[in-house]
Protein backbone atom coordinates (compact mmCIF):
# COMPACT_ATOMS: atom_id res chain seq x y z
CA UNK A 1 134.27 70.35 90.49
CA UNK A 2 131.10 71.95 91.75
CA UNK A 3 129.79 72.88 95.16
CA UNK A 4 126.55 71.23 96.22
CA UNK A 5 126.06 73.13 99.47
CA UNK A 6 123.18 75.22 100.73
CA UNK A 7 123.40 78.73 99.33
CA UNK A 8 121.65 80.21 102.42
CA UNK A 9 119.24 82.27 100.27
CA UNK A 10 118.13 85.67 101.50
CA UNK A 11 114.55 84.74 100.56
CA UNK A 12 114.67 81.02 101.32
CA UNK A 13 111.63 79.16 99.99
CA UNK A 14 112.42 76.22 102.28
CA UNK A 15 111.68 78.48 105.27
CA UNK A 16 108.38 79.59 103.76
CA UNK A 17 107.01 76.08 103.21
CA UNK A 18 108.14 74.37 106.43
CA UNK A 19 104.97 73.77 108.49
CA UNK A 20 106.79 72.97 111.74
CA UNK A 21 109.40 75.72 111.87
CA UNK A 22 112.16 73.11 111.75
CA UNK A 23 114.06 75.37 109.35
CA UNK A 24 115.13 78.71 110.76
CA UNK A 25 117.42 81.62 109.97
CA UNK A 26 120.26 81.92 112.45
CA UNK A 27 121.79 85.05 113.91
CA UNK A 28 124.50 84.65 111.24
CA UNK A 29 121.96 84.79 108.39
CA UNK A 30 122.33 81.10 107.59
CA UNK A 31 119.48 78.60 107.26
CA UNK A 32 119.56 75.55 109.51
CA UNK A 33 117.34 72.47 109.99
CA UNK A 34 116.42 71.49 113.55
CA UNK A 35 116.40 67.74 113.19
CA UNK A 36 114.31 67.17 116.32
CA UNK A 37 111.51 69.43 115.03
CA UNK A 38 111.43 68.20 111.42
CA UNK A 39 108.37 66.00 110.83
CA UNK A 40 109.65 64.54 107.56
CA UNK A 41 106.97 66.10 105.34
CA UNK A 42 109.62 66.99 102.75
CA UNK A 43 107.95 70.20 101.53
CA UNK A 44 111.29 71.97 101.69
CA UNK A 45 112.96 69.55 99.27
CA UNK A 46 111.20 70.71 96.07
CA UNK A 47 111.05 74.29 97.38
CA UNK A 48 114.85 74.58 97.26
CA UNK A 49 115.85 76.03 93.88
CA UNK A 50 119.30 74.45 94.23
CA UNK A 51 118.23 70.91 95.18
CA UNK A 52 120.56 70.75 98.17
CA UNK A 53 118.19 69.51 100.86
CA UNK A 54 118.43 65.75 101.39
CA UNK A 55 115.80 63.54 102.99
CA UNK A 56 116.41 60.43 105.08
CA UNK A 57 114.83 57.26 103.71
CA UNK A 58 113.81 55.86 107.09
CA UNK A 59 111.90 58.76 108.67
CA UNK A 60 111.82 61.46 105.97
CA UNK A 61 113.60 64.07 108.09
CA UNK A 62 115.82 66.44 106.15
CA UNK A 63 119.34 67.76 106.48
CA UNK A 64 121.57 70.21 104.65
CA UNK A 65 124.67 72.34 105.01
CA UNK A 66 124.48 74.53 108.12
CA UNK A 67 127.59 76.54 107.22
CA UNK A 68 128.94 74.93 110.40
CA UNK A 69 126.51 76.72 112.70
CA UNK A 70 128.23 75.15 115.71
CA UNK A 71 131.62 76.52 114.64
CA UNK A 72 130.24 79.97 113.87
CA UNK A 73 128.73 80.08 117.35
CA UNK A 74 132.19 79.87 118.92
CA UNK A 75 133.85 82.32 116.53
CA UNK A 76 135.35 79.79 114.14
CA UNK A 77 135.05 79.73 110.36
CA UNK A 78 133.20 76.92 108.56
CA UNK A 79 135.26 73.76 108.13
CA UNK A 80 135.12 73.91 104.32
CA UNK A 81 136.76 77.35 104.27
CA UNK A 82 139.28 76.38 106.93
CA UNK A 83 140.32 73.20 105.12
CA UNK A 84 140.35 74.47 101.52
CA UNK A 85 143.98 74.23 100.38
CA UNK A 86 143.51 76.65 97.45
CA UNK A 87 141.48 79.21 99.42
CA UNK A 88 138.83 79.05 96.71
CA UNK A 89 136.29 78.67 99.53
CA UNK A 90 136.39 81.87 101.56
CA UNK A 91 134.38 83.02 104.55
CA UNK A 92 133.80 86.51 105.87
CA UNK A 93 131.51 89.53 105.65
CA UNK A 94 129.48 89.26 102.43
CA UNK A 95 130.27 92.81 101.30
CA UNK A 96 134.00 92.11 101.52
CA UNK A 97 133.63 88.78 99.73
CA UNK A 98 131.55 90.38 96.96
CA UNK A 99 134.19 93.08 96.50
CA UNK A 100 136.99 90.50 96.36
CA UNK A 101 135.04 88.34 93.93
CA UNK A 102 134.16 91.27 91.65
CA UNK A 103 137.85 92.17 91.53
CA UNK A 104 138.70 88.58 90.58
CA UNK A 105 136.07 88.60 87.81
CA UNK A 106 137.50 91.87 86.47
CA UNK A 107 141.01 90.39 86.42
CA UNK A 108 139.78 87.28 84.61
CA UNK A 109 137.94 89.34 82.01
CA UNK A 110 141.05 91.48 81.46
CA UNK A 111 142.93 88.22 80.88
CA UNK A 112 140.44 87.23 78.18
CA UNK A 113 138.01 85.05 80.13
CA UNK A 114 134.91 86.85 78.87
CA UNK A 115 132.39 84.41 80.41
CA UNK A 116 133.64 84.92 83.99
CA UNK A 117 130.75 85.93 86.25
CA UNK A 118 129.52 85.83 89.82
CA UNK A 119 126.56 83.63 90.61
CA UNK A 120 124.27 84.13 93.59
CA UNK A 121 125.57 87.51 94.77
CA UNK A 122 122.80 89.68 93.30
CA UNK A 123 119.70 90.65 95.30
CA UNK A 124 117.83 90.55 91.96
CA UNK A 125 118.49 86.86 91.33
CA UNK A 126 115.11 85.51 92.42
CA UNK A 127 116.15 84.47 95.93
CA UNK A 128 117.34 87.88 97.09
CA UNK A 129 121.00 86.96 96.83
CA UNK A 130 122.75 84.03 98.41
CA UNK A 131 124.94 83.78 101.46
CA UNK A 132 127.18 81.54 99.36
CA UNK A 133 128.01 82.72 95.87
CA UNK A 134 130.30 81.41 93.18
CA UNK A 135 132.69 82.47 90.45
CA UNK A 136 131.61 80.73 87.23
CA UNK A 137 133.41 80.55 83.92
CA UNK A 138 130.34 79.46 81.93
CA UNK A 139 126.55 79.52 82.05
CA UNK A 140 125.03 78.38 85.39
CA UNK A 141 123.36 75.38 83.77
CA UNK A 142 126.78 73.94 82.88
CA UNK A 143 127.39 73.64 86.64
CA UNK A 144 123.94 72.21 87.38
CA UNK A 145 122.72 75.54 88.77
CA UNK A 146 119.43 77.19 87.83
CA UNK A 147 119.52 80.32 85.68
CA UNK A 148 119.03 83.43 87.78
CA UNK A 149 116.66 86.27 86.97
CA UNK A 150 119.38 88.91 86.92
């Protein structure tokens, strides 16, 4: 299984190329599309290094994961984290999540899983680090993810 959600990049190219300002960074650090402002140009689609922005066939407007912006606004966690039965999707302060994930990687490596690594947590990865990062057990390309610069 693989996650095909927005990674909420620190340096989000989709924000840079949007001519209407339909994409914006929220007070939570997430990147959201304002559907009513999107003109359907689609510039953001190829700008996304992860290929997670979808475009409607009828009018060209785009949509993507908002990390449940509406839920965050009322103090709730994103639905994916709330509903995940294995708790493999976690939500919280990024520093705490990075620490927890690094500990998990260390435990896996001690158990002989030498390819265990974090993906998207580094500020040197080309997008300044992601707001959503992942524990991988192989090269990023195996999961359909681009290779990072770090």
